[in-house]
Amino acid sequence: MNSFVKIYEVVSKIPKGKVSTYKLVAKTAGIKNPRVVGFALNANKNPEDIPCHRVVKSNGYLAKGYAFGGIDAQEKKLRNEGVFFSKKYLVDLKKCLY
C-alpha cells in the first residue's frame, strides 16, 4: 500500500466537527514527513469521501494552500460542520482535535 492510500484511509476516518493535524495523520499512517500528507491531500481526487478540509497545522491554523477553494472555503466548511475557532483561521484544538 502506498503512502497516499495510507494517508487517505486515516483522513477518511476524521468525523464531522473534528480535525486532525498533518503531523498526527502522518504518525498514524506511518509516514515520517508530515509534508507528504500535504502532497497527498493536494492530490486528493475524492474530497467527499476523503475530507482533507479536516486537516490543519499542528498549531491549529489552517494551511494557506487548501486546494478546494482556498483558506476561506476551508474555514467555511469546518464552521458548517461545527468546528470551533478561537479566531480567524485558528481551530480550537482543545475542543475539536480528533
PDB file of N, CA and C in Angstrom:
ATOM      1  N   MET A   1       0.861  -1.179   0.000  1.00  0.00           N
ATOM      2  CA  MET A   1       0.000   0.000   0.000  1.00  0.00           C
ATOM      3  C   MET A   1       0.904   1.238   0.000  1.00  0.00           C
ATOM      4  N   ASN A   2       0.623   2.174  -0.898  1.00  0.00           N
ATOM      5  CA  ASN A   2       1.490   3.348  -0.957  1.00  0.00           C
ATOM      6  C   ASN A   2       1.103   4.387   0.103  1.00  0.00           C
ATOM      7  N   SER A   3       1.955   5.365   0.274  1.00  0.00           N
ATOM      8  CA  SER A   3       1.779   6.381   1.316  1.00  0.00           C
ATOM      9  C   SER A   3       0.476   7.155   1.175  1.00  0.00           C
ATOM     10  N   PHE A   4       0.129   7.545  -0.047  1.00  0.00           N
ATOM     11  CA  PHE A   4      -1.086   8.327  -0.240  1.00  0.00           C
ATOM     12  C   PHE A   4      -2.312   7.531   0.184  1.00  0.00           C
ATOM     13  N   VAL A   5      -2.367   6.264  -0.148  1.00  0.00           N
ATOM     14  CA  VAL A   5      -3.507   5.425   0.226  1.00  0.00           C
ATOM     15  C   VAL A   5      -3.612   5.337   1.747  1.00  0.00           C
ATOM     16  N   LYS A   6      -2.494   5.170   2.427  1.00  0.00           N
ATOM     17  CA  LYS A   6      -2.491   5.125   3.897  1.00  0.00           C
ATOM     18  C   LYS A   6      -3.016   6.432   4.471  1.00  0.00           C
ATOM     19  N   ILE A   7      -2.562   7.537   3.919  1.00  0.00           N
ATOM     20  CA  ILE A   7      -2.996   8.860   4.377  1.00  0.00           C
ATOM     21  C   ILE A   7      -4.497   9.026   4.153  1.00  0.00           C
ATOM     22  N   TYR A   8      -4.982   8.638   2.982  1.00  0.00           N
ATOM     23  CA  TYR A   8      -6.406   8.763   2.679  1.00  0.00           C
ATOM     24  C   TYR A   8      -7.255   7.918   3.626  1.00  0.00           C
ATOM     25  N   GLU A   9      -6.770   6.756   4.003  1.00  0.00           N
ATOM     26  CA  GLU A   9      -7.507   5.917   4.959  1.00  0.00           C
ATOM     27  C   GLU A   9      -7.640   6.608   6.307  1.00  0.00           C
ATOM     28  N   VAL A  10      -6.560   7.224   6.764  1.00  0.00           N
ATOM     29  CA  VAL A  10      -6.583   7.924   8.061  1.00  0.00           C
ATOM     30  C   VAL A  10      -7.524   9.122   7.993  1.00  0.00           C
ATOM     31  N   VAL A  11      -7.389   9.931   6.966  1.00  0.00           N
ATOM     32  CA  VAL A  11      -8.191  11.156   6.845  1.00  0.00           C
ATOM     33  C   VAL A  11      -9.676  10.827   6.686  1.00  0.00           C
ATOM     34  N   SER A  12      -9.993   9.748   6.009  1.00  0.00           N
ATOM     35  CA  SER A  12     -11.399   9.394   5.801  1.00  0.00           C
ATOM     36  C   SER A  12     -12.119   9.054   7.105  1.00  0.00           C
ATOM     37  N   LYS A  13     -11.378   8.809   8.166  1.00  0.00           N
ATOM     38  CA  LYS A  13     -11.968   8.456   9.461  1.00  0.00           C
ATOM     39  C   LYS A  13     -12.187   9.654  10.381  1.00  0.00           C
ATOM     40  N   ILE A  14     -11.732  10.842   9.991  1.00  0.00           N
ATOM     41  CA  ILE A  14     -11.919  12.038  10.819  1.00  0.00           C
ATOM     42  C   ILE A  14     -13.401  12.432  10.732  1.00  0.00           C
ATOM     43  N   PRO A  15     -14.115  12.431  11.862  1.00  0.00           N
ATOM     44  CA  PRO A  15     -15.557  12.727  11.813  1.00  0.00           C
ATOM     45  C   PRO A  15     -15.863  14.223  11.657  1.00  0.00           C
ATOM     46  N   LYS A  16     -17.080  14.507  11.227  1.00  0.00           N
ATOM     47  CA  LYS A  16     -17.539  15.898  11.163  1.00  0.00           C
ATOM     48  C   LYS A  16     -17.428  16.518  12.540  1.00  0.00           C
ATOM     49  N   GLY A  17     -17.050  17.794  12.567  1.00  0.00           N
ATOM     50  CA  GLY A  17     -16.919  18.502  13.829  1.00  0.00           C
ATOM     51  C   GLY A  17     -15.562  18.322  14.492  1.00  0.00           C
ATOM     52  N   LYS A  18     -14.692  17.538  13.868  1.00  0.00           N
ATOM     53  CA  LYS A  18     -13.354  17.283  14.409  1.00  0.00           C
ATOM     54  C   LYS A  18     -12.312  17.571  13.337  1.00  0.00           C
ATOM     55  N   VAL A  19     -11.084  17.779  13.770  1.00  0.00           N
ATOM     56  CA  VAL A  19      -9.952  17.950  12.859  1.00  0.00           C
ATOM     57  C   VAL A  19      -8.793  17.102  13.366  1.00  0.00           C
ATOM     58  N   SER A  20      -7.846  16.887  12.491  1.00  0.00           N
ATOM     59  CA  SER A  20      -6.569  16.304  12.878  1.00  0.00           C
ATOM     60  C   SER A  20      -5.493  17.211  12.302  1.00  0.00           C
ATOM     61  N   THR A  21      -4.250  16.901  12.606  1.00  0.00           N
ATOM     62  CA  THR A  21      -3.144  17.708  12.100  1.00  0.00           C
ATOM     63  C   THR A  21      -2.346  16.898  11.089  1.00  0.00           C
ATOM     64  N   TYR A  22      -1.601  17.607  10.269  1.00  0.00           N
ATOM     65  CA  TYR A  22      -0.734  16.934   9.301  1.00  0.00           C
ATOM     66  C   TYR A  22       0.207  15.975  10.028  1.00  0.00           C
ATOM     67  N   LYS A  23       0.734  16.418  11.148  1.00  0.00           N
ATOM     68  CA  LYS A  23       1.685  15.610  11.916  1.00  0.00           C
ATOM     69  C   LYS A  23       1.024  14.345  12.477  1.00  0.00           C
ATOM     70  N   LEU A  24      -0.173  14.477  13.029  1.00  0.00           N
ATOM     71  CA  LEU A  24      -0.867  13.305  13.583  1.00  0.00           C
ATOM     72  C   LEU A  24      -1.296  12.332  12.487  1.00  0.00           C
ATOM     73  N   VAL A  25      -1.738  12.857  11.363  1.00  0.00           N
ATOM     74  CA  VAL A  25      -2.102  11.988  10.245  1.00  0.00           C
ATOM     75  C   VAL A  25      -0.872  11.215   9.776  1.00  0.00           C
ATOM     76  N   ALA A  26       0.247  11.914   9.658  1.00  0.00           N
ATOM     77  CA  ALA A  26       1.485  11.249   9.234  1.00  0.00           C
ATOM     78  C   ALA A  26       1.871  10.143  10.210  1.00  0.00           C
ATOM     79  N   LYS A  27       1.830  10.456  11.489  1.00  0.00           N
ATOM     80  CA  LYS A  27       2.195   9.472  12.505  1.00  0.00           C
ATOM     81  C   LYS A  27       1.279   8.248  12.446  1.00  0.00           C
ATOM     82  N   THR A  28      -0.018   8.484  12.354  1.00  0.00           N
ATOM     83  CA  THR A  28      -0.994   7.397  12.304  1.00  0.00           C
ATOM     84  C   THR A  28      -0.812   6.541  11.052  1.00  0.00           C
ATOM     85  N   ALA A  29      -0.449   7.173   9.938  1.00  0.00           N
ATOM     86  CA  ALA A  29      -0.274   6.461   8.670  1.00  0.00           C
ATOM     87  C   ALA A  29       1.111   5.829   8.538  1.00  0.00           C
ATOM     88  N   GLY A  30       1.979   6.097   9.520  1.00  0.00           N
ATOM     89  CA  GLY A  30       3.329   5.545   9.456  1.00  0.00           C
ATOM     90  C   GLY A  30       4.231   6.265   8.475  1.00  0.00           C
ATOM     91  N   ILE A  31       3.966   7.553   8.289  1.00  0.00           N
ATOM     92  CA  ILE A  31       4.741   8.387   7.373  1.00  0.00           C
ATOM     93  C   ILE A  31       5.658   9.279   8.206  1.00  0.00           C
ATOM     94  N   LYS A  32       6.922   9.362   7.841  1.00  0.00           N
ATOM     95  CA  LYS A  32       7.879  10.139   8.641  1.00  0.00           C
ATOM     96  C   LYS A  32       7.737  11.650   8.464  1.00  0.00           C
ATOM     97  N   ASN A  33       7.436  12.093   7.257  1.00  0.00           N
ATOM     98  CA  ASN A  33       7.406  13.525   6.971  1.00  0.00           C
ATOM     99  C   ASN A  33       5.970  14.015   6.787  1.00  0.00           C
ATOM    100  N   PRO A  34       5.488  14.902   7.669  1.00  0.00           N
ATOM    101  CA  PRO A  34       4.121  15.426   7.535  1.00  0.00           C
ATOM    102  C   PRO A  34       3.852  16.163   6.227  1.00  0.00           C
ATOM    103  N   ARG A  35       4.895  16.632   5.554  1.00  0.00           N
ATOM    104  CA  ARG A  35       4.703  17.316   4.271  1.00  0.00           C
ATOM    105  C   ARG A  35       4.104  16.379   3.223  1.00  0.00           C
ATOM    106  N   VAL A  36       4.395  15.079   3.365  1.00  0.00           N
ATOM    107  CA  VAL A  36       3.833  14.098   2.440  1.00  0.00           C
ATOM    108  C   VAL A  36       2.303  14.092   2.557  1.00  0.00           C
ATOM    109  N   VAL A  37       1.800  14.334   3.767  1.00  0.00           N
ATOM    110  CA  VAL A  37       0.354  14.416   3.971  1.00  0.00           C
ATOM    111  C   VAL A  37      -0.204  15.574   3.141  1.00  0.00           C
ATOM    112  N   GLY A  38       0.464  16.701   3.176  1.00  0.00           N
ATOM    113  CA  GLY A  38       0.038  17.848   2.374  1.00  0.00           C
ATOM    114  C   GLY A  38       0.030  17.546   0.887  1.00  0.00           C
ATOM    115  N   PHE A  39       1.067  16.863   0.417  1.00  0.00           N
ATOM    116  CA  PHE A  39       1.130  16.492  -1.005  1.00  0.00           C
ATOM    117  C   PHE A  39      -0.043  15.575  -1.367  1.00  0.00           C
ATOM    118  N   ALA A  40      -0.312  14.604  -0.494  1.00  0.00           N
ATOM    119  CA  ALA A  40      -1.407  13.659  -0.749  1.00  0.00           C
ATOM    120  C   ALA A  40      -2.751  14.373  -0.774  1.00  0.00           C
ATOM    121  N   LEU A  41      -2.970  15.260   0.176  1.00  0.00           N
ATOM    122  CA  LEU A  41      -4.264  15.941   0.242  1.00  0.00           C
ATOM    123  C   LEU A  41      -4.450  16.895  -0.927  1.00  0.00           C
ATOM    124  N   ASN A  42      -3.372  17.488  -1.376  1.00  0.00           N
ATOM    125  CA  ASN A  42      -3.444  18.371  -2.543  1.00  0.00           C
ATOM    126  C   ASN A  42      -3.814  17.581  -3.812  1.00  0.00           C
ATOM    127  N   ALA A  43      -3.448  16.302  -3.842  1.00  0.00           N
ATOM    128  CA  ALA A  43      -3.747  15.447  -4.991  1.00  0.00           C
ATOM    129  C   ALA A  43      -5.052  14.673  -4.828  1.00  0.00           C
ATOM    130  N   ASN A  44      -5.766  14.911  -3.744  1.00  0.00           N
ATOM    131  CA  ASN A  44      -6.999  14.182  -3.435  1.00  0.00           C
ATOM    132  C   ASN A  44      -8.025  14.357  -4.560  1.00  0.00           C
ATOM    133  N   LYS A  45      -8.453  13.237  -5.119  1.00  0.00           N
ATOM    134  CA  LYS A  45      -9.451  13.271  -6.204  1.00  0.00           C
ATOM    135  C   LYS A  45     -10.874  13.042  -5.692  1.00  0.00           C
ATOM    136  N   ASN A  46     -11.016  12.779  -4.389  1.00  0.00           N
ATOM    137  CA  ASN A  46     -12.323  12.445  -3.835  1.00  0.00           C
ATOM    138  C   ASN A  46     -12.547  13.154  -2.486  1.00  0.00           C
ATOM    139  N   PRO A  47     -12.675  14.484  -2.507  1.00  0.00           N
ATOM    140  CA  PRO A  47     -12.806  15.221  -1.243  1.00  0.00           C
ATOM    141  C   PRO A  47     -14.094  14.941  -0.475  1.00  0.00           C
ATOM    142  N   GLU A  48     -15.082  14.339  -1.112  1.00  0.00           N
ATOM    143  CA  GLU A  48     -16.314  13.991  -0.389  1.00  0.00           C
ATOM    144  C   GLU A  48     -16.069  12.840   0.582  1.00  0.00           C
ATOM    145  N   ASP A  49     -15.300  11.849   0.147  1.00  0.00           N
ATOM    146  CA  ASP A  49     -15.017  10.679   0.990  1.00  0.00           C
ATOM    147  C   ASP A  49     -13.717  10.814   1.778  1.00  0.00           C
ATOM    148  N   ILE A  50     -12.833  11.674   1.300  1.00  0.00           N
ATOM    149  CA  ILE A  50     -11.563  11.924   1.981  1.00  0.00           C
ATOM    150  C   ILE A  50     -11.555  13.406   2.345  1.00  0.00           C
ATOM    151  N   PRO A  51     -12.098  13.736   3.528  1.00  0.00           N
ATOM    152  CA  PRO A  51     -12.334  15.146   3.902  1.00  0.00           C
ATOM    153  C   PRO A  51     -11.055  15.884   4.299  1.00  0.00           C
ATOM    154  N   CYS A  52     -10.278  16.225   3.285  1.00  0.00           N
ATOM    155  CA  CYS A  52      -8.987  16.861   3.541  1.00  0.00           C
ATOM    156  C   CYS A  52      -9.130  18.220   4.221  1.00  0.00           C
ATOM    157  N   HIS A  53     -10.313  18.819   4.168  1.00  0.00           N
ATOM    158  CA  HIS A  53     -10.514  20.104   4.842  1.00  0.00           C
ATOM    159  C   HIS A  53     -10.422  19.959   6.367  1.00  0.00           C
ATOM    160  N   ARG A  54     -10.456  18.730   6.868  1.00  0.00           N
ATOM    161  CA  ARG A  54     -10.396  18.482   8.310  1.00  0.00           C
ATOM    162  C   ARG A  54      -8.969  18.307   8.829  1.00  0.00           C
ATOM    163  N   VAL A  55      -7.990  18.599   8.001  1.00  0.00           N
ATOM    164  CA  VAL A  55      -6.588  18.502   8.413  1.00  0.00           C
ATOM    165  C   VAL A  55      -6.012  19.911   8.492  1.00  0.00           C
ATOM    166  N   VAL A  56      -5.423  20.226   9.645  1.00  0.00           N
ATOM    167  CA  VAL A  56      -4.884  21.564   9.908  1.00  0.00           C
ATOM    168  C   VAL A  56      -3.444  21.447  10.407  1.00  0.00           C
ATOM    169  N   LYS A  57      -2.799  22.586  10.540  1.00  0.00           N
ATOM    170  CA  LYS A  57      -1.433  22.607  11.070  1.00  0.00           C
ATOM    171  C   LYS A  57      -1.437  22.221  12.554  1.00  0.00           C
ATOM    172  N   SER A  58      -0.280  21.835  13.058  1.00  0.00           N
ATOM    173  CA  SER A  58      -0.153  21.401  14.460  1.00  0.00           C
ATOM    174  C   SER A  58      -0.514  22.494  15.459  1.00  0.00           C
ATOM    175  N   ASN A  59      -0.406  23.751  15.050  1.00  0.00           N
ATOM    176  CA  ASN A  59      -0.759  24.856  15.943  1.00  0.00           C
ATOM    177  C   ASN A  59      -2.240  25.232  15.841  1.00  0.00           C
ATOM    178  N   GLY A  60      -2.983  24.508  14.995  1.00  0.00           N
ATOM    179  CA  GLY A  60      -4.414  24.762  14.849  1.00  0.00           C
ATOM    180  C   GLY A  60      -4.786  25.661  13.690  1.00  0.00           C
ATOM    181  N   TYR A  61      -3.810  26.324  13.102  1.00  0.00           N
ATOM    182  CA  TYR A  61      -4.105  27.219  11.982  1.00  0.00           C
ATOM    183  C   TYR A  61      -4.387  26.431  10.710  1.00  0.00           C
ATOM    184  N   LEU A  62      -5.235  26.989   9.867  1.00  0.00           N
ATOM    185  CA  LEU A  62      -5.487  26.414   8.561  1.00  0.00           C
ATOM    186  C   LEU A  62      -4.292  26.708   7.663  1.00  0.00           C
ATOM    187  N   ALA A  63      -3.977  25.778   6.784  1.00  0.00           N
ATOM    188  CA  ALA A  63      -2.890  25.988   5.822  1.00  0.00           C
ATOM    189  C   ALA A  63      -3.407  26.859   4.681  1.00  0.00           C
ATOM    190  N   LYS A  64      -2.579  27.737   4.186  1.00  0.00           N
ATOM    191  CA  LYS A  64      -3.000  28.663   3.131  1.00  0.00           C
ATOM    192  C   LYS A  64      -3.279  27.971   1.809  1.00  0.00           C
ATOM    193  N   GLY A  65      -2.708  26.792   1.580  1.00  0.00           N
ATOM    194  CA  GLY A  65      -2.807  26.151   0.282  1.00  0.00           C
ATOM    195  C   GLY A  65      -3.951  25.172   0.115  1.00  0.00           C
ATOM    196  N   TYR A  66      -5.067  25.361   0.809  1.00  0.00           N
ATOM    197  CA  TYR A  66      -6.194  24.445   0.670  1.00  0.00           C
ATOM    198  C   TYR A  66      -6.620  24.389  -0.794  1.00  0.00           C
ATOM    199  N   ALA A  67      -6.581  23.194  -1.384  1.00  0.00           N
ATOM    200  CA  ALA A  67      -6.726  23.013  -2.833  1.00  0.00           C
ATOM    201  C   ALA A  67      -8.147  23.164  -3.365  1.00  0.00           C
ATOM    202  N   PHE A  68      -9.141  23.187  -2.486  1.00  0.00           N
ATOM    203  CA  PHE A  68     -10.527  23.180  -2.958  1.00  0.00           C
ATOM    204  C   PHE A  68     -11.238  24.486  -2.611  1.00  0.00           C
ATOM    205  N   GLY A  69     -10.679  25.596  -3.080  1.00  0.00           N
ATOM    206  CA  GLY A  69     -11.329  26.883  -2.898  1.00  0.00           C
ATOM    207  C   GLY A  69     -10.601  27.852  -1.996  1.00  0.00           C
ATOM    208  N   GLY A  70      -9.473  27.454  -1.454  1.00  0.00           N
ATOM    209  CA  GLY A  70      -8.687  28.351  -0.623  1.00  0.00           C
ATOM    210  C   GLY A  70      -9.052  28.289   0.848  1.00  0.00           C
ATOM    211  N   ILE A  71      -8.344  29.050   1.631  1.00  0.00           N
ATOM    212  CA  ILE A  71      -8.442  29.022   3.084  1.00  0.00           C
ATOM    213  C   ILE A  71      -9.827  29.434   3.599  1.00  0.00           C
ATOM    214  N   ASP A  72     -10.451  30.396   2.934  1.00  0.00           N
ATOM    215  CA  ASP A  72     -11.791  30.823   3.368  1.00  0.00           C
ATOM    216  C   ASP A  72     -12.829  29.720   3.149  1.00  0.00           C
ATOM    217  N   ALA A  73     -12.704  28.991   2.049  1.00  0.00           N
ATOM    218  CA  ALA A  73     -13.616  27.875   1.787  1.00  0.00           C
ATOM    219  C   ALA A  73     -13.424  26.768   2.828  1.00  0.00           C
ATOM    220  N   GLN A  74     -12.179  26.526   3.205  1.00  0.00           N
ATOM    221  CA  GLN A  74     -11.911  25.513   4.221  1.00  0.00           C
ATOM    222  C   GLN A  74     -12.520  25.924   5.561  1.00  0.00           C
ATOM    223  N   GLU A  75     -12.320  27.173   5.941  1.00  0.00           N
ATOM    224  CA  GLU A  75     -12.882  27.641   7.206  1.00  0.00           C
ATOM    225  C   GLU A  75     -14.412  27.529   7.199  1.00  0.00           C
ATOM    226  N   LYS A  76     -15.026  27.898   6.096  1.00  0.00           N
ATOM    227  CA  LYS A  76     -16.485  27.824   5.999  1.00  0.00           C
ATOM    228  C   LYS A  76     -16.974  26.380   6.139  1.00  0.00           C
ATOM    229  N   LYS A  77     -16.308  25.441   5.474  1.00  0.00           N
ATOM    230  CA  LYS A  77     -16.692  24.028   5.574  1.00  0.00           C
ATOM    231  C   LYS A  77     -16.587  23.546   7.018  1.00  0.00           C
ATOM    232  N   LEU A  78     -15.499  23.894   7.669  1.00  0.00           N
ATOM    233  CA  LEU A  78     -15.297  23.452   9.051  1.00  0.00           C
ATOM    234  C   LEU A  78     -16.329  24.072   9.986  1.00  0.00           C
ATOM    235  N   ARG A  79     -16.590  25.352   9.839  1.00  0.00           N
ATOM    236  CA  ARG A  79     -17.605  26.006  10.679  1.00  0.00           C
ATOM    237  C   ARG A  79     -18.981  25.371  10.458  1.00  0.00           C
ATOM    238  N   ASN A  80     -19.303  25.054   9.217  1.00  0.00           N
ATOM    239  CA  ASN A  80     -20.585  24.412   8.904  1.00  0.00           C
ATOM    240  C   ASN A  80     -20.701  23.027   9.527  1.00  0.00           C
ATOM    241  N   GLU A  81     -19.584  22.393   9.799  1.00  0.00           N
ATOM    242  CA  GLU A  81     -19.583  21.073  10.435  1.00  0.00           C
ATOM    243  C   GLU A  81     -19.530  21.160  11.961  1.00  0.00           C
ATOM    244  N   GLY A  82     -19.454  22.383  12.490  1.00  0.00           N
ATOM    245  CA  GLY A  82     -19.456  22.552  13.936  1.00  0.00           C
ATOM    246  C   GLY A  82     -18.092  22.662  14.585  1.00  0.00           C
ATOM    247  N   VAL A  83     -17.057  22.875  13.795  1.00  0.00           N
ATOM    248  CA  VAL A  83     -15.715  23.054  14.340  1.00  0.00           C
ATOM    249  C   VAL A  83     -15.632  24.441  14.970  1.00  0.00           C
ATOM    250  N   PHE A  84     -15.051  24.507  16.171  1.00  0.00           N
ATOM    251  CA  PHE A  84     -14.894  25.772  16.897  1.00  0.00           C
ATOM    252  C   PHE A  84     -13.577  26.440  16.517  1.00  0.00           C
ATOM    253  N   PHE A  85     -13.632  27.742  16.376  1.00  0.00           N
ATOM    254  CA  PHE A  85     -12.450  28.547  16.066  1.00  0.00           C
ATOM    255  C   PHE A  85     -12.183  29.518  17.209  1.00  0.00           C
ATOM    256  N   SER A  86     -10.912  29.665  17.587  1.00  0.00           N
ATOM    257  CA  SER A  86     -10.507  30.640  18.600  1.00  0.00           C
ATOM    258  C   SER A  86     -10.472  32.036  18.005  1.00  0.00           C
ATOM    259  N   LYS A  87     -10.027  32.104  16.753  1.00  0.00           N
ATOM    260  CA  LYS A  87     -10.025  33.340  15.975  1.00  0.00           C
ATOM    261  C   LYS A  87      -9.942  32.956  14.505  1.00  0.00           C
ATOM    262  N   LYS A  88      -9.944  33.927  13.633  1.00  0.00           N
ATOM    263  CA  LYS A  88      -9.931  33.670  12.188  1.00  0.00           C
ATOM    264  C   LYS A  88      -8.819  32.695  11.831  1.00  0.00           C
ATOM    265  N   TYR A  89      -9.202  31.621  11.156  1.00  0.00           N
ATOM    266  CA  TYR A  89      -8.286  30.588  10.661  1.00  0.00           C
ATOM    267  C   TYR A  89      -7.612  29.745  11.747  1.00  0.00           C
ATOM    268  N   LEU A  90      -8.000  29.905  13.004  1.00  0.00           N
ATOM    269  CA  LEU A  90      -7.381  29.149  14.102  1.00  0.00           C
ATOM    270  C   LEU A  90      -8.408  28.254  14.780  1.00  0.00           C
ATOM    271  N   VAL A  91      -8.293  26.946  14.551  1.00  0.00           N
ATOM    272  CA  VAL A  91      -9.195  25.963  15.154  1.00  0.00           C
ATOM    273  C   VAL A  91      -8.863  25.797  16.630  1.00  0.00           C
ATOM    274  N   ASP A  92      -9.889  25.690  17.451  1.00  0.00           N
ATOM    275  CA  ASP A  92      -9.702  25.411  18.867  1.00  0.00           C
ATOM    276  C   ASP A  92      -9.440  23.912  19.019  1.00  0.00           C
ATOM    277  N   LEU A  93      -8.168  23.544  19.054  1.00  0.00           N
ATOM    278  CA  LEU A  93      -7.793  22.133  19.109  1.00  0.00           C
ATOM    279  C   LEU A  93      -8.210  21.463  20.410  1.00  0.00           C
ATOM    280  N   LYS A  94      -8.361  22.215  21.481  1.00  0.00           N
ATOM    281  CA  LYS A  94      -8.804  21.619  22.748  1.00  0.00           C
ATOM    282  C   LYS A  94     -10.207  21.047  22.617  1.00  0.00           C
ATOM    283  N   LYS A  95     -11.028  21.659  21.787  1.00  0.00           N
ATOM    284  CA  LYS A  95     -12.401  21.221  21.600  1.00  0.00           C
ATOM    285  C   LYS A  95     -12.586  20.292  20.392  1.00  0.00           C
ATOM    286  N   CYS A  96     -11.719  20.396  19.411  1.00  0.00           N
ATOM    287  CA  CYS A  96     -12.018  19.758  18.129  1.00  0.00           C
ATOM    288  C   CYS A  96     -10.987  18.748  17.627  1.00  0.00           C
ATOM    289  N   LEU A  97      -9.913  18.517  18.357  1.00  0.00           N
ATOM    290  CA  LEU A  97      -8.894  17.588  17.864  1.00  0.00           C
ATOM    291  C   LEU A  97      -9.393  16.160  17.960  1.00  0.00           C
ATOM    292  N   TYR A  98      -9.256  15.431  16.870  1.00  0.00           N
ATOM    293  CA  TYR A  98      -9.683  14.032  16.802  1.00  0.00           C
ATOM    294  C   TYR A  98      -8.541  13.128  17.189  1.00  0.00           C
TER     295      TYR A  98
END
